[in-house]
Amino acid sequence: MLAYSLLRLGPEPSASERLVSKASSLRSQLEHGLKETIYNMFSWVRDQPDRDLDGLMKDIDHLFLHSEGSL
């Protein structure tokens, strides 16, 4: 019965399978974060009807150049 139970559980994932799984999860999280950031930026632009395009672009440029973690 023990042997049957262990066979039903299947083999333990190898290190490479775990690495691929973690990389896939990280990629998914990064894609979600990027989509959310772009959506938020477009929502912010939409909510700024009194600003001209040059002013909005300067504000966006400032946000990217002066945010934490920028290069």
N, C-alpha and C. Protein backbone atom coordinates (compact mmCIF):
# COMPACT_ATOMS: atom_id res chain seq x y z
N MET A 1 0.83 -1.20 0.00
CA MET A 1 0.00 0.00 0.00
C MET A 1 0.87 1.26 0.00
N LEU A 2 1.96 1.25 0.73
CA LEU A 2 2.89 2.38 0.77
C LEU A 2 3.47 2.65 -0.60
N ALA A 3 3.90 1.61 -1.30
CA ALA A 3 4.48 1.78 -2.63
C ALA A 3 3.45 2.38 -3.58
N TYR A 4 2.21 1.90 -3.51
CA TYR A 4 1.15 2.42 -4.36
C TYR A 4 0.91 3.90 -4.06
N SER A 5 0.88 4.27 -2.80
CA SER A 5 0.65 5.66 -2.41
C SER A 5 1.77 6.56 -2.92
N LEU A 6 3.00 6.11 -2.80
CA LEU A 6 4.12 6.91 -3.28
C LEU A 6 4.09 7.06 -4.80
N LEU A 7 3.69 6.01 -5.51
CA LEU A 7 3.57 6.12 -6.96
C LEU A 7 2.47 7.09 -7.35
N ARG A 8 1.39 7.12 -6.60
CA ARG A 8 0.28 8.04 -6.89
C ARG A 8 0.70 9.49 -6.66
N LEU A 9 1.57 9.72 -5.70
CA LEU A 9 2.04 11.08 -5.44
C LEU A 9 2.93 11.57 -6.57
N GLY A 10 3.61 10.68 -7.22
CA GLY A 10 4.49 11.06 -8.31
C GLY A 10 5.85 11.47 -7.79
N PRO A 11 6.78 11.61 -8.72
CA PRO A 11 8.15 11.98 -8.31
C PRO A 11 8.20 13.44 -7.84
N GLU A 12 9.14 13.69 -6.96
CA GLU A 12 9.37 15.05 -6.50
C GLU A 12 9.93 15.87 -7.67
N PRO A 13 9.45 17.08 -7.86
CA PRO A 13 9.97 17.88 -8.98
C PRO A 13 11.47 18.11 -8.85
N SER A 14 12.15 18.06 -9.97
CA SER A 14 13.59 18.27 -9.95
C SER A 14 13.89 19.75 -9.73
N ALA A 15 15.14 20.04 -9.46
CA ALA A 15 15.56 21.42 -9.22
C ALA A 15 15.28 22.28 -10.44
N SER A 16 15.51 21.74 -11.64
CA SER A 16 15.27 22.53 -12.85
C SER A 16 13.79 22.80 -13.04
N GLU A 17 12.93 21.84 -12.69
CA GLU A 17 11.48 22.07 -12.80
C GLU A 17 11.04 23.15 -11.82
N ARG A 18 11.59 23.13 -10.62
CA ARG A 18 11.24 24.17 -9.63
C ARG A 18 11.72 25.53 -10.11
N LEU A 19 12.91 25.59 -10.69
CA LEU A 19 13.46 26.84 -11.20
C LEU A 19 12.59 27.40 -12.33
N VAL A 20 12.18 26.54 -13.25
CA VAL A 20 11.32 26.97 -14.35
C VAL A 20 9.98 27.46 -13.81
N SER A 21 9.46 26.76 -12.83
CA SER A 21 8.19 27.16 -12.23
C SER A 21 8.30 28.53 -11.57
N LYS A 22 9.38 28.75 -10.82
CA LYS A 22 9.57 30.04 -10.16
C LYS A 22 9.78 31.16 -11.17
N ALA A 23 10.54 30.88 -12.23
CA ALA A 23 10.78 31.88 -13.27
C ALA A 23 9.48 32.23 -13.98
N SER A 24 8.66 31.24 -14.23
CA SER A 24 7.38 31.47 -14.88
C SER A 24 6.47 32.32 -13.99
N SER A 25 6.49 32.02 -12.70
CA SER A 25 5.69 32.79 -11.74
C SER A 25 6.17 34.23 -11.67
N LEU A 26 7.48 34.43 -11.64
CA LEU A 26 8.05 35.77 -11.59
C LEU A 26 7.69 36.55 -12.86
N ARG A 27 7.78 35.90 -14.01
CA ARG A 27 7.42 36.55 -15.26
C ARG A 27 5.96 36.98 -15.24
N SER A 28 5.11 36.12 -14.75
CA SER A 28 3.68 36.43 -14.67
C SER A 28 3.45 37.64 -13.76
N GLN A 29 4.14 37.67 -12.63
CA GLN A 29 4.00 38.80 -11.71
C GLN A 29 4.50 40.10 -12.33
N LEU A 30 5.61 40.03 -13.05
CA LEU A 30 6.15 41.22 -13.71
C LEU A 30 5.22 41.72 -14.81
N GLU A 31 4.65 40.81 -15.59
CA GLU A 31 3.70 41.19 -16.64
C GLU A 31 2.48 41.87 -16.02
N HIS A 32 1.98 41.30 -14.94
CA HIS A 32 0.82 41.89 -14.27
C HIS A 32 1.15 43.29 -13.74
N GLY A 33 2.32 43.43 -13.13
CA GLY A 33 2.73 44.73 -12.61
C GLY A 33 2.88 45.77 -13.71
N LEU A 34 3.45 45.37 -14.84
CA LEU A 34 3.62 46.29 -15.97
C LEU A 34 2.27 46.72 -16.51
N LYS A 35 1.36 45.77 -16.70
CA LYS A 35 0.02 46.10 -17.20
C LYS A 35 -0.70 47.05 -16.24
N GLU A 36 -0.58 46.78 -14.96
CA GLU A 36 -1.23 47.63 -13.95
C GLU A 36 -0.64 49.04 -13.97
N THR A 37 0.68 49.15 -14.12
CA THR A 37 1.34 50.44 -14.16
C THR A 37 0.91 51.25 -15.38
N ILE A 38 0.87 50.59 -16.53
CA ILE A 38 0.45 51.28 -17.76
C ILE A 38 -1.01 51.71 -17.64
N TYR A 39 -1.86 50.85 -17.11
CA TYR A 39 -3.27 51.21 -16.92
C TYR A 39 -3.39 52.42 -16.00
N ASN A 40 -2.65 52.41 -14.90
CA ASN A 40 -2.70 53.53 -13.96
C ASN A 40 -2.20 54.82 -14.61
N MET A 41 -1.15 54.72 -15.43
CA MET A 41 -0.63 55.91 -16.09
C MET A 41 -1.67 56.48 -17.07
N PHE A 42 -2.30 55.62 -17.86
CA PHE A 42 -3.33 56.10 -18.79
C PHE A 42 -4.53 56.67 -18.04
N SER A 43 -4.89 56.07 -16.93
CA SER A 43 -5.99 56.60 -16.12
C SER A 43 -5.64 57.99 -15.59
N TRP A 44 -4.41 58.15 -15.15
CA TRP A 44 -3.96 59.44 -14.65
C TRP A 44 -3.99 60.49 -15.76
N VAL A 45 -3.51 60.12 -16.96
CA VAL A 45 -3.51 61.05 -18.10
C VAL A 45 -4.95 61.44 -18.44
N ARG A 46 -5.84 60.46 -18.45
CA ARG A 46 -7.25 60.71 -18.75
C ARG A 46 -7.87 61.70 -17.75
N ASP A 47 -7.44 61.63 -16.51
CA ASP A 47 -8.00 62.48 -15.46
C ASP A 47 -7.35 63.86 -15.40
N GLN A 48 -6.51 64.19 -16.37
CA GLN A 48 -5.82 65.49 -16.42
C GLN A 48 -6.29 66.28 -17.65
N PRO A 49 -7.57 66.62 -17.75
CA PRO A 49 -8.07 67.24 -18.98
C PRO A 49 -7.53 68.65 -19.23
N ASP A 50 -7.09 69.34 -18.19
CA ASP A 50 -6.65 70.72 -18.34
C ASP A 50 -5.19 70.84 -18.76
N ARG A 51 -4.48 69.73 -18.82
CA ARG A 51 -3.05 69.77 -19.14
C ARG A 51 -2.84 69.58 -20.63
N ASP A 52 -1.87 70.30 -21.16
CA ASP A 52 -1.50 70.09 -22.55
C ASP A 52 -0.59 68.88 -22.66
N LEU A 53 -0.41 68.37 -23.84
CA LEU A 53 0.38 67.15 -24.05
C LEU A 53 1.83 67.33 -23.59
N ASP A 54 2.43 68.48 -23.86
CA ASP A 54 3.81 68.71 -23.44
C ASP A 54 3.94 68.70 -21.92
N GLY A 55 2.98 69.29 -21.24
CA GLY A 55 3.01 69.29 -19.77
C GLY A 55 2.86 67.88 -19.21
N LEU A 56 1.96 67.10 -19.80
CA LEU A 56 1.80 65.72 -19.35
C LEU A 56 3.07 64.91 -19.57
N MET A 57 3.69 65.08 -20.74
CA MET A 57 4.91 64.34 -21.04
C MET A 57 6.04 64.72 -20.08
N LYS A 58 6.12 66.00 -19.71
CA LYS A 58 7.14 66.42 -18.74
C LYS A 58 6.89 65.78 -17.38
N ASP A 59 5.61 65.74 -16.97
CA ASP A 59 5.27 65.11 -15.69
C ASP A 59 5.61 63.61 -15.70
N ILE A 60 5.27 62.93 -16.79
CA ILE A 60 5.55 61.51 -16.90
C ILE A 60 7.06 61.27 -16.91
N ASP A 61 7.78 62.07 -17.67
CA ASP A 61 9.23 61.97 -17.72
C ASP A 61 9.83 62.16 -16.33
N HIS A 62 9.33 63.14 -15.59
CA HIS A 62 9.81 63.41 -14.24
C HIS A 62 9.56 62.20 -13.32
N LEU A 63 8.37 61.59 -13.46
CA LEU A 63 8.05 60.44 -12.62
C LEU A 63 9.03 59.29 -12.86
N PHE A 64 9.37 59.03 -14.12
CA PHE A 64 10.27 57.92 -14.43
C PHE A 64 11.71 58.23 -14.06
N LEU A 65 12.13 59.46 -14.22
CA LEU A 65 13.52 59.80 -13.95
C LEU A 65 13.80 59.98 -12.46
N HIS A 66 12.78 60.29 -11.69
CA HIS A 66 12.99 60.58 -10.29
C HIS A 66 12.31 59.58 -9.35
N SER A 67 11.92 58.42 -9.89
CA SER A 67 11.30 57.41 -9.04
C SER A 67 12.37 56.56 -8.38
N GLU A 68 11.99 55.86 -7.32
CA GLU A 68 12.92 54.97 -6.63
C GLU A 68 13.30 53.83 -7.57
N GLY A 69 14.54 53.47 -7.55
CA GLY A 69 14.99 52.35 -8.37
C GLY A 69 15.29 52.71 -9.80
N SER A 70 15.22 54.01 -10.14
CA SER A 70 15.54 54.38 -11.52
C SER A 70 17.05 54.33 -11.71
N LEU A 71 17.44 54.12 -12.94
CA LEU A 71 18.87 53.98 -13.24
C LEU A 71 19.56 55.29 -13.32
